[in-house]
Structures are given as C-alpha cells and as structure tokens.
Amino acid sequence: MYVTRPLSLYRKSPNALEDEPPAEGPYSGYLVITDEEAEEQDTFCFGAIKRKAVEKLPFPQDKILNVVHSSEVEETMVTRVWFIPVLDQPLASNHYYVIRAKGR
C-alpha cells in the first residue's frame, strides 16, 4: 500500500527521505506527488516560465518524465517513463521501478 506525500515536504526536509515506509502492513511505501508549493518553486518570472527538469530526488510519481540517453555513436534516444518507488524501502534508497509510458 502506498501513502502519498507532497514533494515540497522533501524539498524542505531532506531528512524525511530516510523515513521508513508506513507500518500499516507489509509491502508499503510513499508516493511523492507534486503540490502547489512545489509547483511555485519550479516557476520563475512571476509564473511565466516553468522549470521542466528534475534536478534532485525523489522523482514525483504524478509526472511522466523523459529519460534522455545520448551517445557519440548512436542518435539521442528519449524514453517517457514513470518512476515508482520500490515497496518496503525508504525513498533515500533511490530504488525505483521504471515503467515505460506509451500511448497518448
């Protein structure tokens, strides 16, 4: 079971990443959701410009992210994915399931 927490909580208190998953049963964890405060932190020029790059962990689970792989040998590849935290692990472990997003 997942419990949601706002992204702004982890930006304000990075130590919260160390929190163990909720003890409400086995197979539990946290989903990080973008909230208004985090959205405000990602805008500048009075809201006219939005920062689109994710610069630090944790990844928000309510966004589809583009993973860019560039190489000198091959052309640049962009893959749209969701990062879902592994259950029973604190977010600080940085273990994620990666799910490819397809469709519209």
PDB file of N, CA and C in Angstrom:
ATOM      1  N   MET A   1       0.840  -1.166   0.000  1.00  0.00           N
ATOM      2  CA  MET A   1       0.000   0.000   0.000  1.00  0.00           C
ATOM      3  C   MET A   1       0.896   1.243   0.000  1.00  0.00           C
ATOM      4  N   TYR A   2       0.523   2.179  -0.811  1.00  0.00           N
ATOM      5  CA  TYR A   2       1.265   3.434  -0.864  1.00  0.00           C
ATOM      6  C   TYR A   2       0.507   4.531  -0.123  1.00  0.00           C
ATOM      7  N   VAL A   3       1.260   5.422   0.508  1.00  0.00           N
ATOM      8  CA  VAL A   3       0.732   6.626   1.137  1.00  0.00           C
ATOM      9  C   VAL A   3       1.341   7.797   0.379  1.00  0.00           C
ATOM     10  N   THR A   4       0.542   8.825   0.065  1.00  0.00           N
ATOM     11  CA  THR A   4       1.076   9.967  -0.684  1.00  0.00           C
ATOM     12  C   THR A   4       1.656  11.014   0.259  1.00  0.00           C
ATOM     13  N   ARG A   5       2.699  11.663  -0.219  1.00  0.00           N
ATOM     14  CA  ARG A   5       3.312  12.793   0.482  1.00  0.00           C
ATOM     15  C   ARG A   5       3.650  13.854  -0.554  1.00  0.00           C
ATOM     16  N   PRO A   6       3.585  15.136  -0.152  1.00  0.00           N
ATOM     17  CA  PRO A   6       3.889  16.211  -1.108  1.00  0.00           C
ATOM     18  C   PRO A   6       5.392  16.352  -1.356  1.00  0.00           C
ATOM     19  N   LEU A   7       5.741  16.705  -2.580  1.00  0.00           N
ATOM     20  CA  LEU A   7       7.136  16.910  -2.965  1.00  0.00           C
ATOM     21  C   LEU A   7       7.781  18.021  -2.137  1.00  0.00           C
ATOM     22  N   SER A   8       7.011  19.051  -1.798  1.00  0.00           N
ATOM     23  CA  SER A   8       7.564  20.171  -1.033  1.00  0.00           C
ATOM     24  C   SER A   8       8.077  19.727   0.336  1.00  0.00           C
ATOM     25  N   LEU A   9       7.480  18.686   0.923  1.00  0.00           N
ATOM     26  CA  LEU A   9       7.946  18.163   2.213  1.00  0.00           C
ATOM     27  C   LEU A   9       9.399  17.724   2.109  1.00  0.00           C
ATOM     28  N   TYR A  10       9.746  17.030   1.037  1.00  0.00           N
ATOM     29  CA  TYR A  10      11.109  16.522   0.872  1.00  0.00           C
ATOM     30  C   TYR A  10      12.080  17.623   0.463  1.00  0.00           C
ATOM     31  N   ARG A  11      11.585  18.651  -0.188  1.00  0.00           N
ATOM     32  CA  ARG A  11      12.465  19.777  -0.518  1.00  0.00           C
ATOM     33  C   ARG A  11      12.795  20.586   0.732  1.00  0.00           C
ATOM     34  N   LYS A  12      11.814  20.719   1.642  1.00  0.00           N
ATOM     35  CA  LYS A  12      12.044  21.449   2.893  1.00  0.00           C
ATOM     36  C   LYS A  12      12.873  20.634   3.875  1.00  0.00           C
ATOM     37  N   SER A  13      12.589  19.345   3.965  1.00  0.00           N
ATOM     38  CA  SER A  13      13.223  18.464   4.953  1.00  0.00           C
ATOM     39  C   SER A  13      13.801  17.231   4.262  1.00  0.00           C
ATOM     40  N   PRO A  14      14.991  17.329   3.697  1.00  0.00           N
ATOM     41  CA  PRO A  14      15.576  16.173   3.022  1.00  0.00           C
ATOM     42  C   PRO A  14      15.734  14.953   3.932  1.00  0.00           C
ATOM     43  N   ASN A  15      15.800  15.175   5.248  1.00  0.00           N
ATOM     44  CA  ASN A  15      15.915  14.046   6.176  1.00  0.00           C
ATOM     45  C   ASN A  15      14.677  13.164   6.152  1.00  0.00           C
ATOM     46  N   ALA A  16      13.548  13.678   5.685  1.00  0.00           N
ATOM     47  CA  ALA A  16      12.320  12.887   5.608  1.00  0.00           C
ATOM     48  C   ALA A  16      12.468  11.738   4.613  1.00  0.00           C
ATOM     49  N   LEU A  17      13.444  11.822   3.712  1.00  0.00           N
ATOM     50  CA  LEU A  17      13.689  10.724   2.769  1.00  0.00           C
ATOM     51  C   LEU A  17      14.112   9.448   3.488  1.00  0.00           C
ATOM     52  N   GLU A  18      14.662   9.604   4.698  1.00  0.00           N
ATOM     53  CA  GLU A  18      15.130   8.458   5.477  1.00  0.00           C
ATOM     54  C   GLU A  18      13.990   7.736   6.187  1.00  0.00           C
ATOM     55  N   ASP A  19      12.790   8.336   6.232  1.00  0.00           N
ATOM     56  CA  ASP A  19      11.664   7.724   6.938  1.00  0.00           C
ATOM     57  C   ASP A  19      11.382   6.336   6.387  1.00  0.00           C
ATOM     58  N   GLU A  20      11.181   5.405   7.312  1.00  0.00           N
ATOM     59  CA  GLU A  20      10.794   4.055   6.908  1.00  0.00           C
ATOM     60  C   GLU A  20       9.370   4.088   6.370  1.00  0.00           C
ATOM     61  N   PRO A  21       9.024   3.174   5.479  1.00  0.00           N
ATOM     62  CA  PRO A  21       7.652   3.123   4.959  1.00  0.00           C
ATOM     63  C   PRO A  21       6.650   2.935   6.097  1.00  0.00           C
ATOM     64  N   PRO A  22       5.392   3.330   5.895  1.00  0.00           N
ATOM     65  CA  PRO A  22       4.389   3.208   6.950  1.00  0.00           C
ATOM     66  C   PRO A  22       4.278   1.763   7.434  1.00  0.00           C
ATOM     67  N   ALA A  23       4.059   1.615   8.730  1.00  0.00           N
ATOM     68  CA  ALA A  23       3.998   0.279   9.333  1.00  0.00           C
ATOM     69  C   ALA A  23       2.584  -0.283   9.332  1.00  0.00           C
ATOM     70  N   GLU A  24       1.789   0.093   8.365  1.00  0.00           N
ATOM     71  CA  GLU A  24       0.402  -0.354   8.308  1.00  0.00           C
ATOM     72  C   GLU A  24       0.277  -1.750   7.721  1.00  0.00           C
ATOM     73  N   GLY A  25       1.362  -2.361   7.388  1.00  0.00           N
ATOM     74  CA  GLY A  25       1.343  -3.701   6.834  1.00  0.00           C
ATOM     75  C   GLY A  25       2.534  -3.904   5.932  1.00  0.00           C
ATOM     76  N   PRO A  26       2.728  -5.130   5.482  1.00  0.00           N
ATOM     77  CA  PRO A  26       3.843  -5.370   4.565  1.00  0.00           C
ATOM     78  C   PRO A  26       3.567  -4.736   3.207  1.00  0.00           C
ATOM     79  N   TYR A  27       4.608  -4.562   2.457  1.00  0.00           N
ATOM     80  CA  TYR A  27       4.500  -4.005   1.105  1.00  0.00           C
ATOM     81  C   TYR A  27       3.884  -2.612   1.119  1.00  0.00           C
ATOM     82  N   SER A  28       4.515  -1.702   1.834  1.00  0.00           N
ATOM     83  CA  SER A  28       4.019  -0.334   1.878  1.00  0.00           C
ATOM     84  C   SER A  28       5.147   0.619   1.497  1.00  0.00           C
ATOM     85  N   GLY A  29       4.772   1.838   1.121  1.00  0.00           N
ATOM     86  CA  GLY A  29       5.756   2.831   0.721  1.00  0.00           C
ATOM     87  C   GLY A  29       5.102   4.180   0.509  1.00  0.00           C
ATOM     88  N   TYR A  30       5.897   5.153   0.063  1.00  0.00           N
ATOM     89  CA  TYR A  30       5.416   6.513  -0.161  1.00  0.00           C
ATOM     90  C   TYR A  30       5.423   6.837  -1.652  1.00  0.00           C
ATOM     91  N   LEU A  31       4.374   7.509  -2.105  1.00  0.00           N
ATOM     92  CA  LEU A  31       4.332   8.102  -3.438  1.00  0.00           C
ATOM     93  C   LEU A  31       4.489   9.603  -3.265  1.00  0.00           C
ATOM     94  N   VAL A  32       5.340  10.208  -4.042  1.00  0.00           N
ATOM     95  CA  VAL A  32       5.584  11.649  -3.959  1.00  0.00           C
ATOM     96  C   VAL A  32       4.756  12.333  -5.034  1.00  0.00           C
ATOM     97  N   ILE A  33       3.924  13.267  -4.608  1.00  0.00           N
ATOM     98  CA  ILE A  33       3.008  13.966  -5.505  1.00  0.00           C
ATOM     99  C   ILE A  33       3.378  15.446  -5.539  1.00  0.00           C
ATOM    100  N   THR A  34       3.408  16.024  -6.718  1.00  0.00           N
ATOM    101  CA  THR A  34       3.682  17.450  -6.865  1.00  0.00           C
ATOM    102  C   THR A  34       2.524  18.238  -6.272  1.00  0.00           C
ATOM    103  N   ASP A  35       2.835  19.194  -5.409  1.00  0.00           N
ATOM    104  CA  ASP A  35       1.808  20.027  -4.792  1.00  0.00           C
ATOM    105  C   ASP A  35       1.995  21.475  -5.229  1.00  0.00           C
ATOM    106  N   GLU A  36       1.086  22.348  -4.803  1.00  0.00           N
ATOM    107  CA  GLU A  36       1.135  23.754  -5.234  1.00  0.00           C
ATOM    108  C   GLU A  36       2.446  24.416  -4.841  1.00  0.00           C
ATOM    109  N   GLU A  37       2.923  24.130  -3.636  1.00  0.00           N
ATOM    110  CA  GLU A  37       4.160  24.752  -3.175  1.00  0.00           C
ATOM    111  C   GLU A  37       5.350  24.329  -4.039  1.00  0.00           C
ATOM    112  N   ALA A  38       5.407  23.065  -4.407  1.00  0.00           N
ATOM    113  CA  ALA A  38       6.487  22.586  -5.279  1.00  0.00           C
ATOM    114  C   ALA A  38       6.364  23.202  -6.668  1.00  0.00           C
ATOM    115  N   GLU A  39       5.130  23.341  -7.167  1.00  0.00           N
ATOM    116  CA  GLU A  39       4.912  23.979  -8.475  1.00  0.00           C
ATOM    117  C   GLU A  39       5.408  25.421  -8.448  1.00  0.00           C
ATOM    118  N   GLU A  40       5.146  26.134  -7.340  1.00  0.00           N
ATOM    119  CA  GLU A  40       5.608  27.518  -7.221  1.00  0.00           C
ATOM    120  C   GLU A  40       7.128  27.592  -7.220  1.00  0.00           C
ATOM    121  N   GLN A  41       7.780  26.614  -6.584  1.00  0.00           N
ATOM    122  CA  GLN A  41       9.243  26.598  -6.549  1.00  0.00           C
ATOM    123  C   GLN A  41       9.831  26.340  -7.931  1.00  0.00           C
ATOM    124  N   ASP A  42       9.053  25.703  -8.798  1.00  0.00           N
ATOM    125  CA  ASP A  42       9.529  25.367 -10.139  1.00  0.00           C
ATOM    126  C   ASP A  42       9.170  26.415 -11.183  1.00  0.00           C
ATOM    127  N   THR A  43       8.641  27.548 -10.766  1.00  0.00           N
ATOM    128  CA  THR A  43       8.331  28.619 -11.712  1.00  0.00           C
ATOM    129  C   THR A  43       9.145  29.857 -11.350  1.00  0.00           C
ATOM    130  N   PHE A  44       9.410  30.667 -12.340  1.00  0.00           N
ATOM    131  CA  PHE A  44      10.083  31.941 -12.106  1.00  0.00           C
ATOM    132  C   PHE A  44       9.575  32.948 -13.115  1.00  0.00           C
ATOM    133  N   CYS A  45      10.000  34.173 -13.022  1.00  0.00           N
ATOM    134  CA  CYS A  45       9.483  35.284 -13.835  1.00  0.00           C
ATOM    135  C   CYS A  45       7.974  35.425 -13.616  1.00  0.00           C
ATOM    136  N   PHE A  46       7.567  35.434 -12.344  1.00  0.00           N
ATOM    137  CA  PHE A  46       6.163  35.624 -11.960  1.00  0.00           C
ATOM    138  C   PHE A  46       5.249  34.567 -12.574  1.00  0.00           C
ATOM    139  N   GLY A  47       5.739  33.341 -12.653  1.00  0.00           N
ATOM    140  CA  GLY A  47       4.924  32.234 -13.145  1.00  0.00           C
ATOM    141  C   GLY A  47       4.918  32.073 -14.649  1.00  0.00           C
ATOM    142  N   ALA A  48       5.641  32.934 -15.362  1.00  0.00           N
ATOM    143  CA  ALA A  48       5.625  32.870 -16.825  1.00  0.00           C
ATOM    144  C   ALA A  48       6.458  31.706 -17.366  1.00  0.00           C
ATOM    145  N   ILE A  49       7.472  31.296 -16.615  1.00  0.00           N
ATOM    146  CA  ILE A  49       8.364  30.234 -17.082  1.00  0.00           C
ATOM    147  C   ILE A  49       8.386  29.119 -16.046  1.00  0.00           C
ATOM    148  N   LYS A  50       8.235  27.882 -16.523  1.00  0.00           N
ATOM    149  CA  LYS A  50       8.266  26.711 -15.650  1.00  0.00           C
ATOM    150  C   LYS A  50       9.531  25.917 -15.880  1.00  0.00           C
ATOM    151  N   ARG A  51      10.187  25.534 -14.787  1.00  0.00           N
ATOM    152  CA  ARG A  51      11.355  24.665 -14.877  1.00  0.00           C
ATOM    153  C   ARG A  51      10.849  23.252 -15.127  1.00  0.00           C
ATOM    154  N   LYS A  52      11.354  22.600 -16.157  1.00  0.00           N
ATOM    155  CA  LYS A  52      10.857  21.279 -16.521  1.00  0.00           C
ATOM    156  C   LYS A  52      11.797  20.155 -16.121  1.00  0.00           C
ATOM    157  N   ALA A  53      13.039  20.456 -15.816  1.00  0.00           N
ATOM    158  CA  ALA A  53      13.999  19.406 -15.474  1.00  0.00           C
ATOM    159  C   ALA A  53      13.858  19.008 -14.005  1.00  0.00           C
ATOM    160  N   VAL A  54      13.989  17.722 -13.743  1.00  0.00           N
ATOM    161  CA  VAL A  54      14.028  17.228 -12.367  1.00  0.00           C
ATOM    162  C   VAL A  54      15.489  17.218 -11.969  1.00  0.00           C
ATOM    163  N   GLU A  55      15.823  18.012 -10.959  1.00  0.00           N
ATOM    164  CA  GLU A  55      17.227  18.181 -10.616  1.00  0.00           C
ATOM    165  C   GLU A  55      17.674  17.324  -9.450  1.00  0.00           C
ATOM    166  N   LYS A  56      16.741  16.935  -8.580  1.00  0.00           N
ATOM    167  CA  LYS A  56      17.122  16.084  -7.465  1.00  0.00           C
ATOM    168  C   LYS A  56      16.015  15.111  -7.124  1.00  0.00           C
ATOM    169  N   LEU A  57      16.401  14.058  -6.437  1.00  0.00           N
ATOM    170  CA  LEU A  57      15.449  13.049  -5.999  1.00  0.00           C
ATOM    171  C   LEU A  57      14.674  13.578  -4.798  1.00  0.00           C
ATOM    172  N   PRO A  58      13.510  13.084  -4.533  1.00  0.00           N
ATOM    173  CA  PRO A  58      12.809  11.979  -5.168  1.00  0.00           C
ATOM    174  C   PRO A  58      12.076  12.435  -6.428  1.00  0.00           C
ATOM    175  N   PHE A  59      11.836  11.490  -7.324  1.00  0.00           N
ATOM    176  CA  PHE A  59      11.067  11.777  -8.527  1.00  0.00           C
ATOM    177  C   PHE A  59       9.585  11.843  -8.165  1.00  0.00           C
ATOM    178  N   PRO A  60       8.843  12.796  -8.729  1.00  0.00           N
ATOM    179  CA  PRO A  60       7.391  12.822  -8.480  1.00  0.00           C
ATOM    180  C   PRO A  60       6.695  11.713  -9.266  1.00  0.00           C
ATOM    181  N   GLN A  61       5.737  11.056  -8.624  1.00  0.00           N
ATOM    182  CA  GLN A  61       5.050   9.953  -9.281  1.00  0.00           C
ATOM    183  C   GLN A  61       3.824  10.386 -10.072  1.00  0.00           C
ATOM    184  N   ASP A  62       3.455  11.656 -10.001  1.00  0.00           N
ATOM    185  CA  ASP A  62       2.306  12.125 -10.777  1.00  0.00           C
ATOM    186  C   ASP A  62       2.735  12.767 -12.096  1.00  0.00           C
ATOM    187  N   LYS A  63       3.979  12.569 -12.475  1.00  0.00           N
ATOM    188  CA  LYS A  63       4.509  13.127 -13.723  1.00  0.00           C
ATOM    189  C   LYS A  63       5.147  12.018 -14.553  1.00  0.00           C
ATOM    190  N   ILE A  64       4.973  12.112 -15.852  1.00  0.00           N
ATOM    191  CA  ILE A  64       5.708  11.244 -16.767  1.00  0.00           C
ATOM    192  C   ILE A  64       6.988  11.994 -17.116  1.00  0.00           C
ATOM    193  N   LEU A  65       8.124  11.352 -16.928  1.00  0.00           N
ATOM    194  CA  LEU A  65       9.408  12.000 -17.150  1.00  0.00           C
ATOM    195  C   LEU A  65      10.053  11.488 -18.427  1.00  0.00           C
ATOM    196  N   ASN A  66      10.837  12.335 -19.061  1.00  0.00           N
ATOM    197  CA  ASN A  66      11.606  11.951 -20.244  1.00  0.00           C
ATOM    198  C   ASN A  66      13.020  11.599 -19.809  1.00  0.00           C
ATOM    199  N   VAL A  67      13.444  10.390 -20.114  1.00  0.00           N
ATOM    200  CA  VAL A  67      14.817   9.975 -19.861  1.00  0.00           C
ATOM    201  C   VAL A  67      15.554  10.100 -21.186  1.00  0.00           C
ATOM    202  N   VAL A  68      16.623  10.887 -21.186  1.00  0.00           N
ATOM    203  CA  VAL A  68      17.372  11.152 -22.413  1.00  0.00           C
ATOM    204  C   VAL A  68      18.703  10.415 -22.343  1.00  0.00           C
ATOM    205  N   HIS A  69      18.955   9.598 -23.352  1.00  0.00           N
ATOM    206  CA  HIS A  69      20.222   8.878 -23.457  1.00  0.00           C
ATOM    207  C   HIS A  69      20.924   9.369 -24.720  1.00  0.00           C
ATOM    208  N   SER A  70      22.083   9.984 -24.522  1.00  0.00           N
ATOM    209  CA  SER A  70      22.835  10.453 -25.688  1.00  0.00           C
ATOM    210  C   SER A  70      24.169   9.716 -25.754  1.00  0.00           C
ATOM    211  N   SER A  71      24.617   9.520 -26.962  1.00  0.00           N
ATOM    212  CA  SER A  71      25.840   8.772 -27.206  1.00  0.00           C
ATOM    213  C   SER A  71      26.531   9.362 -28.425  1.00  0.00           C
ATOM    214  N   GLU A  72      27.846   9.225 -28.468  1.00  0.00           N
ATOM    215  CA  GLU A  72      28.582   9.695 -29.637  1.00  0.00           C
ATOM    216  C   GLU A  72      28.391   8.755 -30.822  1.00  0.00           C
ATOM    217  N   VAL A  73      28.034   7.513 -30.541  1.00  0.00           N
ATOM    218  CA  VAL A  73      27.913   6.501 -31.587  1.00  0.00           C
ATOM    219  C   VAL A  73      26.504   6.457 -32.169  1.00  0.00           C
ATOM    220  N   GLU A  74      25.494   6.563 -31.315  1.00  0.00           N
ATOM    221  CA  GLU A  74      24.106   6.458 -31.756  1.00  0.00           C
ATOM    222  C   GLU A  74      23.410   7.805 -31.611  1.00  0.00           C
ATOM    223  N   GLU A  75      22.236   7.914 -32.214  1.00  0.00           N
ATOM    224  CA  GLU A  75      21.476   9.150 -32.064  1.00  0.00           C
ATOM    225  C   GLU A  75      20.844   9.194 -30.674  1.00  0.00           C
ATOM    226  N   THR A  76      20.495  10.378 -30.237  1.00  0.00           N
ATOM    227  CA  THR A  76      19.900  10.572 -28.921  1.00  0.00           C
ATOM    228  C   THR A  76      18.537   9.902 -28.851  1.00  0.00           C
ATOM    229  N   MET A  77      18.307   9.172 -27.759  1.00  0.00           N
ATOM    230  CA  MET A  77      17.026   8.492 -27.551  1.00  0.00           C
ATOM    231  C   MET A  77      16.315   9.122 -26.359  1.00  0.00           C
ATOM    232  N   VAL A  78      15.010   9.334 -26.490  1.00  0.00           N
ATOM    233  CA  VAL A  78      14.189   9.856 -25.404  1.00  0.00           C
ATOM    234  C   VAL A  78      13.113   8.825 -25.103  1.00  0.00           C
ATOM    235  N   THR A  79      13.007   8.435 -23.838  1.00  0.00           N
ATOM    236  CA  THR A  79      12.002   7.472 -23.410  1.00  0.00           C
ATOM    237  C   THR A  79      11.155   8.105 -22.321  1.00  0.00           C
ATOM    238  N   ARG A  80       9.834   8.016 -22.483  1.00  0.00           N
ATOM    239  CA  ARG A  80       8.915   8.566 -21.480  1.00  0.00           C
ATOM    240  C   ARG A  80       8.611   7.474 -20.459  1.00  0.00           C
ATOM    241  N   VAL A  81       8.850   7.782 -19.163  1.00  0.00           N
ATOM    242  CA  VAL A  81       8.696   6.768 -18.115  1.00  0.00           C
ATOM    243  C   VAL A  81       8.084   7.358 -16.844  1.00  0.00           C
ATOM    244  N   TRP A  82       7.562   6.444 -16.017  1.00  0.00           N
ATOM    245  CA  TRP A  82       7.193   6.751 -14.633  1.00  0.00           C
ATOM    246  C   TRP A  82       8.214   6.065 -13.739  1.00  0.00           C
ATOM    247  N   PHE A  83       8.567   6.713 -12.646  1.00  0.00           N
ATOM    248  CA  PHE A  83       9.410   6.102 -11.630  1.00  0.00           C
ATOM    249  C   PHE A  83       8.534   5.845 -10.408  1.00  0.00           C
ATOM    250  N   ILE A  84       8.365   4.571 -10.046  1.00  0.00           N
ATOM    251  CA  ILE A  84       7.543   4.190  -8.898  1.00  0.00           C
ATOM    252  C   ILE A  84       8.474   3.616  -7.828  1.00  0.00           C
ATOM    253  N   PRO A  85       8.433   4.146  -6.586  1.00  0.00           N
ATOM    254  CA  PRO A  85       9.339   3.646  -5.543  1.00  0.00           C
ATOM    255  C   PRO A  85       9.094   2.170  -5.222  1.00  0.00           C
ATOM    256  N   VAL A  86      10.170   1.460  -4.938  1.00  0.00           N
ATOM    257  CA  VAL A  86      10.076   0.058  -4.535  1.00  0.00           C
ATOM    258  C   VAL A  86       9.447   0.005  -3.147  1.00  0.00           C
ATOM    259  N   LEU A  87       8.525  -0.921  -2.955  1.00  0.00           N
ATOM    260  CA  LEU A  87       7.854  -1.072  -1.665  1.00  0.00           C
ATOM    261  C   LEU A  87       8.831  -1.530  -0.583  1.00  0.00           C
ATOM    262  N   ASP A  88       8.509  -1.170   0.656  1.00  0.00           N
ATOM    263  CA  ASP A  88       9.292  -1.535   1.851  1.00  0.00           C
ATOM    264  C   ASP A  88      10.714  -0.984   1.833  1.00  0.00           C
ATOM    265  N   GLN A  89      10.949   0.091   1.086  1.00  0.00           N
ATOM    266  CA  GLN A  89      12.249   0.761   1.053  1.00  0.00           C
ATOM    267  C   GLN A  89      12.037   2.245   1.340  1.00  0.00           C
ATOM    268  N   PRO A  90      12.918   2.882   2.132  1.00  0.00           N
ATOM    269  CA  PRO A  90      12.806   4.334   2.285  1.00  0.00           C
ATOM    270  C   PRO A  90      13.134   5.012   0.956  1.00  0.00           C
ATOM    271  N   LEU A  91      12.603   6.204   0.744  1.00  0.00           N
ATOM    272  CA  LEU A  91      12.873   6.920  -0.509  1.00  0.00           C
ATOM    273  C   LEU A  91      14.360   7.216  -0.682  1.00  0.00           C
ATOM    274  N   ALA A  92      15.087   7.328   0.434  1.00  0.00           N
ATOM    275  CA  ALA A  92      16.523   7.607   0.361  1.00  0.00           C
ATOM    276  C   ALA A  92      17.302   6.474  -0.299  1.00  0.00           C
ATOM    277  N   SER A  93      16.714   5.283  -0.392  1.00  0.00           N
ATOM    278  CA  SER A  93      17.413   4.166  -1.040  1.00  0.00           C
ATOM    279  C   SER A  93      17.520   4.374  -2.551  1.00  0.00           C
ATOM    280  N   ASN A  94      16.688   5.262  -3.100  1.00  0.00           N
ATOM    281  CA  ASN A  94      16.683   5.574  -4.536  1.00  0.00           C
ATOM    282  C   ASN A  94      16.455   4.347  -5.411  1.00  0.00           C
ATOM    283  N   HIS A  95      15.636   3.425  -4.944  1.00  0.00           N
ATOM    284  CA  HIS A  95      15.251   2.251  -5.729  1.00  0.00           C
ATOM    285  C   HIS A  95      13.872   2.494  -6.320  1.00  0.00           C
ATOM    286  N   TYR A  96      13.785   2.418  -7.634  1.00  0.00           N
ATOM    287  CA  TYR A  96      12.526   2.679  -8.334  1.00  0.00           C
ATOM    288  C   TYR A  96      12.251   1.579  -9.351  1.00  0.00           C
ATOM    289  N   TYR A  97      10.961   1.292  -9.542  1.00  0.00           N
ATOM    290  CA  TYR A  97      10.534   0.528 -10.711  1.00  0.00           C
ATOM    291  C   TYR A  97      10.374   1.551 -11.825  1.00  0.00           C
ATOM    292  N   VAL A  98      10.826   1.232 -13.017  1.00  0.00           N
ATOM    293  CA  VAL A  98      10.695   2.144 -14.148  1.00  0.00           C
ATOM    294  C   VAL A  98       9.682   1.536 -15.107  1.00  0.00           C
ATOM    295  N   ILE A  99       8.628   2.289 -15.378  1.00  0.00           N
ATOM    296  CA  ILE A  99       7.557   1.819 -16.247  1.00  0.00           C
ATOM    297  C   ILE A  99       7.512   2.710 -17.472  1.00  0.00           C
ATOM    298  N   ARG A 100       7.632   2.107 -18.644  1.00  0.00           N
ATOM    299  CA  ARG A 100       7.591   2.873 -19.889  1.00  0.00           C
ATOM    300  C   ARG A 100       6.168   3.341 -20.144  1.00  0.00           C
ATOM    301  N   ALA A 101       6.027   4.626 -20.434  1.00  0.00           N
ATOM    302  CA  ALA A 101       4.716   5.216 -20.728  1.00  0.00           C
ATOM    303  C   ALA A 101       4.501   5.190 -22.234  1.00  0.00           C
ATOM    304  N   LYS A 102       3.416   4.570 -22.657  1.00  0.00           N
ATOM    305  CA  LYS A 102       3.080   4.518 -24.077  1.00  0.00           C
ATOM    306  C   LYS A 102       1.687   5.077 -24.264  1.00  0.00           C
ATOM    307  N   GLY A 103       1.363   5.403 -25.473  1.00  0.00           N
ATOM    308  CA  GLY A 103       0.032   5.916 -25.771  1.00  0.00           C
ATOM    309  C   GLY A 103      -0.008   7.423 -25.721  1.00  0.00           C
ATOM    310  N   ARG A 104      -1.200   7.933 -25.602  1.00  0.00           N
ATOM    311  CA  ARG A 104      -1.372   9.389 -25.614  1.00  0.00           C
ATOM    312  C   ARG A 104      -1.566   9.933 -24.251  1.00  0.00           C
TER     313      ARG A 104
END
